[in-house]
Protein backbone atom coordinates (compact mmCIF):
# COMPACT_ATOMS: atom_id res chain seq x y z
CA UNK A 1 -12.82 4.84 -10.32
CA UNK A 2 -10.68 3.60 -13.18
CA UNK A 3 -7.18 2.29 -13.54
CA UNK A 4 -4.95 3.90 -16.22
CA UNK A 5 -2.50 1.08 -16.81
CA UNK A 6 -0.30 2.71 -19.42
CA UNK A 7 -0.37 6.33 -20.53
CA UNK A 8 -0.46 5.34 -24.18
CA UNK A 9 -3.93 3.86 -23.71
CA UNK A 10 -5.13 6.25 -21.03
CA UNK A 11 -8.21 7.13 -23.03
CA UNK A 12 -9.26 3.59 -23.88
CA UNK A 13 -11.41 2.51 -20.97
CA UNK A 14 -13.03 -0.86 -20.36
CA UNK A 15 -14.95 -2.45 -17.51
CA UNK A 16 -13.25 -5.43 -15.89
CA UNK A 17 -15.06 -8.52 -14.62
CA UNK A 18 -14.84 -7.18 -11.08
CA UNK A 19 -16.84 -4.09 -12.03
CA UNK A 20 -13.85 -1.73 -11.88
CA UNK A 21 -13.09 0.37 -14.92
CA UNK A 22 -9.60 -0.15 -16.24
CA UNK A 23 -7.50 1.20 -19.06
CA UNK A 24 -5.90 -1.57 -21.06
CA UNK A 25 -2.84 -1.80 -23.21
CA UNK A 26 -3.74 -2.30 -26.83
CA UNK A 27 -0.90 -4.08 -28.65
CA UNK A 28 -0.76 -3.79 -32.42
CA UNK A 29 2.48 -5.57 -33.08
CA UNK A 30 5.89 -6.01 -31.55
CA UNK A 31 9.35 -5.43 -32.94
CA UNK A 32 12.78 -5.67 -31.32
CA UNK A 33 11.65 -5.24 -27.73
CA UNK A 34 9.60 -2.12 -28.53
CA UNK A 35 5.91 -2.25 -27.63
CA UNK A 36 3.41 -0.43 -29.82
CA UNK A 37 0.02 0.48 -28.37
CA UNK A 38 -2.94 2.16 -30.01
CA UNK A 39 -4.30 5.36 -28.43
CA UNK A 40 -6.36 8.37 -29.34
CA UNK A 41 -3.97 11.09 -28.21
CA UNK A 42 -2.33 11.60 -31.54
CA UNK A 43 1.27 10.86 -32.40
CA UNK A 44 3.56 9.96 -29.51
CA UNK A 45 6.36 12.43 -29.03
CA UNK A 46 8.58 10.17 -26.95
CA UNK A 47 8.91 6.80 -25.27
CA UNK A 48 9.47 5.65 -21.72
CA UNK A 49 10.68 2.44 -20.14
CA UNK A 50 8.06 0.29 -18.42
CA UNK A 51 7.87 -3.07 -16.68
CA UNK A 52 5.15 -4.87 -18.61
CA UNK A 53 3.55 -8.28 -18.18
CA UNK A 54 1.54 -9.87 -20.99
CA UNK A 55 0.30 -12.88 -19.06
CA UNK A 56 -0.14 -13.89 -15.44
CA UNK A 57 2.48 -15.99 -13.72
CA UNK A 58 5.76 -15.87 -11.83
CA UNK A 59 6.75 -12.17 -11.82
CA UNK A 60 10.41 -13.02 -12.42
CA UNK A 61 9.40 -14.76 -15.64
CA UNK A 62 6.52 -12.74 -17.07
CA UNK A 63 7.65 -9.16 -16.35
CA UNK A 64 9.86 -7.53 -18.99
CA UNK A 65 11.47 -4.10 -19.28
CA UNK A 66 10.24 -2.61 -22.57
CA UNK A 67 10.03 0.69 -24.38
CA UNK A 68 6.50 2.10 -24.45
CA UNK A 69 5.08 5.22 -26.12
CA UNK A 70 4.18 8.33 -24.14
CA UNK A 71 1.32 10.34 -25.73
CA UNK A 72 1.11 14.09 -25.94
CA UNK A 73 -0.30 15.78 -22.84
CA UNK A 74 -4.00 16.56 -23.05
CA UNK A 75 -5.72 19.66 -21.73
CA UNK A 76 -6.70 18.03 -18.42
CA UNK A 77 -3.62 15.84 -18.09
CA UNK A 78 -0.12 16.04 -16.69
CA UNK A 79 3.14 14.54 -17.88
CA UNK A 80 5.00 13.07 -14.92
CA UNK A 81 8.40 11.53 -14.33
CA UNK A 82 8.18 8.61 -11.93
CA UNK A 83 10.79 8.93 -9.18
CA UNK A 84 10.35 5.81 -7.04
CA UNK A 85 7.90 2.93 -6.76
CA UNK A 86 7.83 0.07 -4.24
CA UNK A 87 7.09 -3.60 -4.89
CA UNK A 88 4.17 -4.52 -2.65
CA UNK A 89 2.51 -7.91 -2.11
CA UNK A 90 -0.54 -6.66 -4.01
CA UNK A 91 1.67 -5.89 -7.02
CA UNK A 92 2.98 -9.45 -6.99
CA UNK A 93 -0.53 -10.88 -6.60
CA UNK A 94 -1.79 -8.83 -9.56
CA UNK A 95 0.97 -10.22 -11.76
CA UNK A 96 0.26 -13.74 -10.52
CA UNK A 97 -3.42 -13.23 -11.32
CA UNK A 98 -4.61 -13.88 -7.77
CA UNK A 99 -5.57 -10.35 -6.64
CA UNK A 100 -9.16 -9.13 -6.23
CA UNK A 101 -8.84 -6.68 -9.11
CA UNK A 102 -6.87 -7.34 -12.28
CA UNK A 103 -6.17 -5.01 -15.21
CA UNK A 104 -6.61 -6.19 -18.77
CA UNK A 105 -3.40 -7.51 -20.29
CA UNK A 106 -0.83 -6.47 -21.26
CA UNK A 107 -0.35 -4.19 -18.27
CA UNK A 108 2.29 -2.16 -16.48
CA UNK A 109 3.09 -3.32 -12.95
CA UNK A 110 3.01 -1.23 -9.81
CA UNK A 111 0.25 0.44 -7.80
CA UNK A 112 2.14 2.88 -5.60
CA UNK A 113 4.90 5.45 -5.99
CA UNK A 114 5.76 9.11 -6.29
CA UNK A 115 6.23 11.16 -9.44
CA UNK A 116 7.23 14.70 -10.34
CA UNK A 117 5.08 16.80 -12.65
CA UNK A 118 7.02 17.80 -15.76
CA UNK A 119 4.29 19.39 -17.88
CA UNK A 120 0.65 20.36 -17.30
CA UNK A 121 -2.23 20.62 -19.74
CA UNK A 122 -3.89 23.94 -20.51
CA UNK A 123 -6.91 23.24 -18.28
CA UNK A 124 -5.07 21.79 -15.28
CA UNK A 125 -5.79 23.89 -12.19
CA UNK A 126 -4.46 22.07 -9.14
CA UNK A 127 -0.94 21.09 -10.25
CA UNK A 128 2.15 22.78 -11.64
CA UNK A 129 5.53 21.68 -12.94
CA UNK A 130 7.76 20.50 -10.10
CA UNK A 131 4.94 19.21 -7.88
CA UNK A 132 5.20 15.73 -6.42
CA UNK A 133 2.16 13.50 -6.87
CA UNK A 134 1.05 10.03 -5.77
CA UNK A 135 -1.68 7.83 -7.28
CA UNK A 136 -5.20 8.43 -6.07
CA UNK A 137 -5.96 4.73 -6.45
CA UNK A 138 -4.56 1.31 -7.36
CA UNK A 139 -3.87 0.16 -10.89
CA UNK A 140 -2.02 3.19 -12.18
CA UNK A 141 0.97 1.21 -13.43
CA UNK A 142 3.81 2.94 -11.59
CA UNK A 143 6.73 0.77 -12.71
CA UNK A 144 7.70 3.07 -15.58
CA UNK A 145 9.81 6.14 -16.08
CA UNK A 146 7.18 8.55 -17.45
CA UNK A 147 3.42 8.74 -17.84
CA UNK A 148 0.64 11.03 -18.99
CA UNK A 149 -2.11 10.97 -16.36
CA UNK A 150 -5.42 12.69 -15.76
CA UNK A 151 -5.23 15.50 -13.21
CA UNK A 152 -7.95 13.77 -11.16
CA UNK A 153 -5.97 10.53 -10.88
CA UNK A 154 -3.25 11.92 -8.62
CA UNK A 155 -2.89 13.83 -5.36
CA UNK A 156 -0.11 16.29 -4.65
CA UNK A 157 2.23 15.76 -1.70
CA UNK A 158 4.95 18.05 -0.33
CA UNK A 159 8.27 17.63 -2.13
CA UNK A 160 9.97 18.40 1.17
CA UNK A 161 9.27 14.95 2.61
CA UNK A 162 11.79 12.12 2.08
CA UNK A 163 11.54 10.35 -1.27
CA UNK A 164 10.97 6.91 0.26
CA UNK A 165 8.25 8.24 2.55
CA UNK A 166 6.43 9.73 -0.43
CA UNK A 167 6.87 6.58 -2.51
CA UNK A 168 5.37 4.36 0.22
CA UNK A 169 2.66 6.75 1.44
CA UNK A 170 -0.38 5.61 -0.50
CA UNK A 171 -0.93 2.06 0.79
CA UNK A 172 0.43 1.09 4.21
CA UNK A 173 0.18 4.42 6.08
CA UNK A 174 -3.30 5.00 4.65
CA UNK A 175 -4.36 1.50 5.71
CA UNK A 176 -3.02 2.08 9.23
CA UNK A 177 -4.61 5.53 9.45
CA UNK A 178 -8.06 4.34 8.46
CA UNK A 179 -8.05 1.29 10.73
CA UNK A 180 -7.08 3.44 13.71
CA UNK A 181 -9.75 6.01 12.82
CA UNK A 182 -12.80 4.20 11.51
CA UNK A 183 -13.59 1.19 13.73
CA UNK A 184 -13.28 2.25 17.36
CA UNK A 185 -13.35 5.58 19.16
CA UNK A 186 -9.77 5.45 20.39
CA UNK A 187 -8.64 7.98 22.96
CA UNK A 188 -5.22 8.68 24.51
CA UNK A 189 -4.43 5.85 26.91
CA UNK A 190 -6.47 3.27 25.01
CA UNK A 191 -4.76 0.15 23.64
CA UNK A 192 -4.51 -1.59 20.26
CA UNK A 193 -3.14 -5.11 19.74
CA UNK A 194 -1.75 -6.22 16.39
CA UNK A 195 0.11 -9.09 14.78
CA UNK A 196 2.49 -8.59 11.83
CA UNK A 197 3.86 -5.69 13.83
CA UNK A 198 7.06 -5.54 11.78
CA UNK A 199 5.22 -5.21 8.48
CA UNK A 200 4.82 -1.90 6.67
CA UNK A 201 1.29 -1.52 8.01
CA UNK A 202 2.38 -2.62 11.48
CA UNK A 203 5.13 -0.02 11.68
CA UNK A 204 2.76 2.70 10.47
CA UNK A 205 0.20 1.65 13.10
CA UNK A 206 2.84 1.93 15.83
CA UNK A 207 3.87 5.43 14.79
CA UNK A 208 0.42 6.89 14.14
CA UNK A 209 -0.90 5.42 17.40
CA UNK A 210 2.07 6.80 19.35
CA UNK A 211 1.41 10.25 17.90
CA UNK A 212 -2.16 9.99 19.21
CA UNK A 213 -1.17 8.74 22.66
CA UNK A 214 -2.53 5.24 22.02
CA UNK A 215 -0.71 2.20 23.41
CA UNK A 216 0.23 -0.60 21.03
CA UNK A 217 0.72 -4.26 21.94
CA UNK A 218 2.78 -5.65 19.09
CA UNK A 219 3.01 -9.36 18.32
CA UNK A 220 5.89 -10.80 16.28
CA UNK A 221 7.13 -14.31 15.67
CA UNK A 222 10.07 -15.52 17.75
CA UNK A 223 13.41 -15.27 15.95
CA UNK A 224 17.13 -15.14 16.76
CA UNK A 225 17.17 -11.34 16.54
CA UNK A 226 13.98 -10.84 18.57
CA UNK A 227 15.61 -8.43 21.02
CA UNK A 228 17.07 -6.32 18.24
CA UNK A 229 13.74 -6.15 16.42
CA UNK A 230 11.89 -5.40 19.64
CA UNK A 231 14.24 -2.49 20.35
CA UNK A 232 13.73 -1.21 16.80
CA UNK A 233 9.94 -1.24 17.15
CA UNK A 234 10.10 0.43 20.57
CA UNK A 235 12.35 3.12 19.09
CA UNK A 236 9.55 4.11 16.69
CA UNK A 237 6.93 4.15 19.44
CA UNK A 238 5.83 0.58 20.25
CA UNK A 239 4.54 0.34 23.83
CA UNK A 240 4.96 -3.43 24.17
CA UNK A 241 6.50 -6.09 21.90
CA UNK A 242 5.42 -9.68 22.57
CA UNK A 243 6.45 -13.01 21.11
CA UNK A 244 3.56 -14.76 19.42
CA UNK A 245 4.25 -17.79 21.58
CA UNK A 246 3.61 -15.71 24.73
CA UNK A 247 0.00 -14.85 23.94
CA UNK A 248 -1.29 -17.77 26.03
CA UNK A 249 1.18 -17.38 28.86
CA UNK A 250 0.69 -15.75 32.29
CA UNK A 251 2.76 -12.71 31.35
CA UNK A 252 -0.18 -11.43 29.29
CA UNK A 253 -2.26 -11.15 32.47
CA UNK A 254 0.62 -9.26 34.07
CA UNK A 255 0.74 -6.93 31.06
CA UNK A 256 -2.90 -5.97 31.52
CA UNK A 257 -2.30 -4.87 35.10
CA UNK A 258 -0.45 -1.86 33.70
CA UNK A 259 -2.04 -1.56 30.26
CA UNK A 260 -5.74 -1.46 29.41
CA UNK A 261 -7.22 -4.35 27.45
CA UNK A 262 -7.31 -3.42 23.76
CA UNK A 263 -10.42 -1.98 22.13
CA UNK A 264 -9.05 -2.82 18.69
CA UNK A 265 -7.17 -5.78 17.22
CA UNK A 266 -5.51 -5.55 13.80
CA UNK A 267 -4.95 -8.85 12.01
CA UNK A 268 -2.59 -9.17 9.07
CA UNK A 269 -1.79 -12.86 9.54
CA UNK A 270 -4.92 -14.96 10.05
CA UNK A 271 -5.01 -18.51 11.40
CA UNK A 272 -4.22 -19.15 15.06
CA UNK A 273 -2.60 -15.76 15.43
CA UNK A 274 -5.92 -14.03 14.73
CA UNK A 275 -7.76 -16.27 17.19
CA UNK A 276 -5.25 -15.35 19.90
CA UNK A 277 -5.80 -11.63 19.25
CA UNK A 278 -9.53 -12.12 19.82
CA UNK A 279 -8.87 -13.67 23.23
CA UNK A 280 -7.35 -10.44 24.50
CA UNK A 281 -9.92 -7.96 23.15
CA UNK A 282 -12.05 -6.18 25.71
CA UNK A 283 -15.80 -6.76 25.70
CA UNK A 284 -17.39 -5.08 22.69
CA UNK A 285 -14.06 -4.59 20.90
CA UNK A 286 -13.34 -5.00 17.19
CA UNK A 287 -10.91 -7.13 15.21
CA UNK A 288 -10.13 -5.82 11.74
CA UNK A 289 -8.47 -8.13 9.23
CA UNK A 290 -6.48 -6.47 6.46
CA UNK A 291 -4.17 -9.32 5.40
CA UNK A 292 -3.62 -13.06 5.61
CA UNK A 293 0.07 -13.80 5.46
CA UNK A 294 -0.35 -17.27 6.97
CA UNK A 295 -2.87 -18.15 4.24
CA UNK A 296 -4.98 -19.74 6.98
CA UNK A 297 -8.63 -18.88 7.65
CA UNK A 298 -9.70 -16.74 10.59
CA UNK A 299 -11.42 -18.85 13.23
CA UNK A 300 -13.69 -16.99 15.63
CA UNK A 301 -14.63 -18.76 18.89
CA UNK A 302 -18.35 -18.75 19.57
CA UNK A 303 -17.65 -17.50 23.09
CA UNK A 304 -16.04 -14.35 21.69
CA UNK A 305 -19.20 -13.54 19.77
CA UNK A 306 -21.69 -14.41 22.51
CA UNK A 307 -20.01 -13.44 25.74
CA UNK A 308 -17.65 -10.69 24.57
CA UNK A 309 -19.82 -9.32 21.74
CA UNK A 310 -16.75 -8.70 19.59
CA UNK A 311 -17.04 -7.28 16.12
CA UNK A 312 -15.12 -9.04 13.34
CA UNK A 313 -14.70 -7.25 10.02
CA UNK A 314 -12.28 -6.63 7.18
CA UNK A 315 -10.60 -3.63 5.60
CA UNK A 316 -9.21 -3.06 2.11
CA UNK A 317 -7.79 0.39 1.45
CA UNK A 318 -8.50 0.10 -2.30
CA UNK A 319 -12.21 -0.30 -1.56
CA UNK A 320 -12.08 2.61 0.88
CA UNK A 321 -10.57 4.81 -1.82
CA UNK A 322 -13.23 3.69 -4.27
CA UNK A 323 -16.01 4.44 -1.80
CA UNK A 324 -14.58 7.91 -1.13
CA UNK A 325 -13.53 8.76 -4.68
CA UNK A 326 -15.88 11.76 -4.72
CA UNK A 327 -15.02 12.99 -1.22
CA UNK A 328 -11.73 14.78 -1.77
CA UNK A 329 -11.95 16.50 1.60
CA UNK A 330 -11.63 13.23 3.54
CA UNK A 331 -8.82 11.90 1.35
CA UNK A 332 -6.95 15.19 1.39
CA UNK A 333 -7.31 15.48 5.15
CA UNK A 334 -5.81 12.04 5.66
CA UNK A 335 -2.84 12.75 3.40
CA UNK A 336 -2.24 16.13 5.02
CA UNK A 337 -2.18 14.56 8.49
CA UNK A 338 0.17 11.78 7.39
CA UNK A 339 2.51 14.23 5.65
CA UNK A 340 2.52 16.43 8.75
CA UNK A 341 3.60 13.43 10.85
CA UNK A 342 6.36 12.72 8.33
CA UNK A 343 7.56 16.32 8.44
CA UNK A 344 7.61 16.20 12.25
CA UNK A 345 9.70 13.02 12.17
CA UNK A 346 6.87 11.01 13.77
CA UNK A 347 6.23 8.74 10.76
CA UNK A 348 9.08 7.20 8.81
CA UNK A 349 9.17 4.82 5.87
CA UNK A 350 9.83 1.13 6.58
CA UNK A 351 13.27 -0.27 5.85
CA UNK A 352 13.74 -0.08 2.08
CA UNK A 353 16.27 -1.31 -0.45
CA UNK A 354 16.61 1.01 -3.43
CA UNK A 355 17.04 -0.81 -6.75
CA UNK A 356 17.55 0.69 -10.20
CA UNK A 357 14.79 -0.04 -12.70
CA UNK A 358 17.20 -1.98 -14.94
CA UNK A 359 17.84 -4.34 -12.00
CA UNK A 360 14.15 -5.13 -11.61
CA UNK A 361 14.68 -8.90 -11.73
CA UNK A 362 16.84 -8.69 -8.61
CA UNK A 363 14.17 -6.62 -6.88
CA UNK A 364 11.36 -9.00 -7.86
CA UNK A 365 13.32 -12.01 -6.67
CA UNK A 366 13.99 -10.34 -3.32
CA UNK A 367 10.34 -9.28 -2.93
CA UNK A 368 9.21 -12.87 -3.47
CA UNK A 369 11.30 -14.19 -0.59
CA UNK A 370 9.24 -15.04 2.54
CA UNK A 371 9.53 -12.80 5.60
CA UNK A 372 11.67 -10.17 3.88
CA UNK A 373 12.81 -7.40 6.20
CA UNK A 374 13.23 -4.66 3.57
CA UNK A 375 10.78 -3.32 1.01
CA UNK A 376 12.15 -3.27 -2.53
CA UNK A 377 11.79 0.19 -4.11
CA UNK A 378 12.45 0.77 -7.81
CA UNK A 379 14.31 4.00 -8.46
CA UNK A 380 13.60 5.40 -11.90
């Protein structure tokens, strides 16, 4: 797996310290807000606009909108126009320099989005002009208006699904899908408990589980608009919505008189919240951690390991994609099922705020605010 960070240097590959192969930007010199990058594709025929960072730090300070060259399309490549790209926590962490994988600098921000194919190379077989595509993996550099990409670095998706659903398909829904599929044999009537239920992953879990007949017990922090948020989550398929403060109260025992104890717990918070999830798992169940919004460690009681034989593990969708990079059937099957749910109206995008690329500073500032309710999506 490799990460083409900017199309102008798509062919210059290097291995990062983490063992991932990345394509780096190769600056020669800089004049009047125009970036020049070396590449082996011959003379650039045009330029695009891209959000580039040349050092790690506060995204609102280190990210700049610049002109960047777009190389000619190679035989096995496609020229795409980016349509929309969200700002995810992982994007922010990459820019800050705190994420598990980091591209060489300078780099283009963004790991997720949807693009339309404009031109295909002479040896491209699976794509045609007009197709919508999403990145196969992280590190593509999606905060730009155009790119030349290898055919193998993207997957096609139906252009009949909503734009925002396509733009946010590759990370959160895939994370939810895999966690519901890979850790426990869940059947209709079984239960899943999760914290961070209002997050992008949480909402995808609710909807995918509902489509499979699986009950979800959804934990959210108390807030003034708790009832409104609870109604919203129930409207998309949540079986139960519980205040985090209620996890130790008698009403949980009452809940389990009508709902089976969960086989699976999904933890996106960490800290005490994760420990409370473990308390309600059935014997032999699994807790999967995919995030740590509280920035607190996960504490596992000894009793849960000895007497309940729970399984505690982690999940990172980027690693899953890397491990299955040569198994297109599995990846394609997952995307097809998710797109089918979208087309049936059973899986919708989280609340999004569309922001023009030129207003990226506003979008970055909003994305950095704690407990934001809307995902910022850059519209190209």
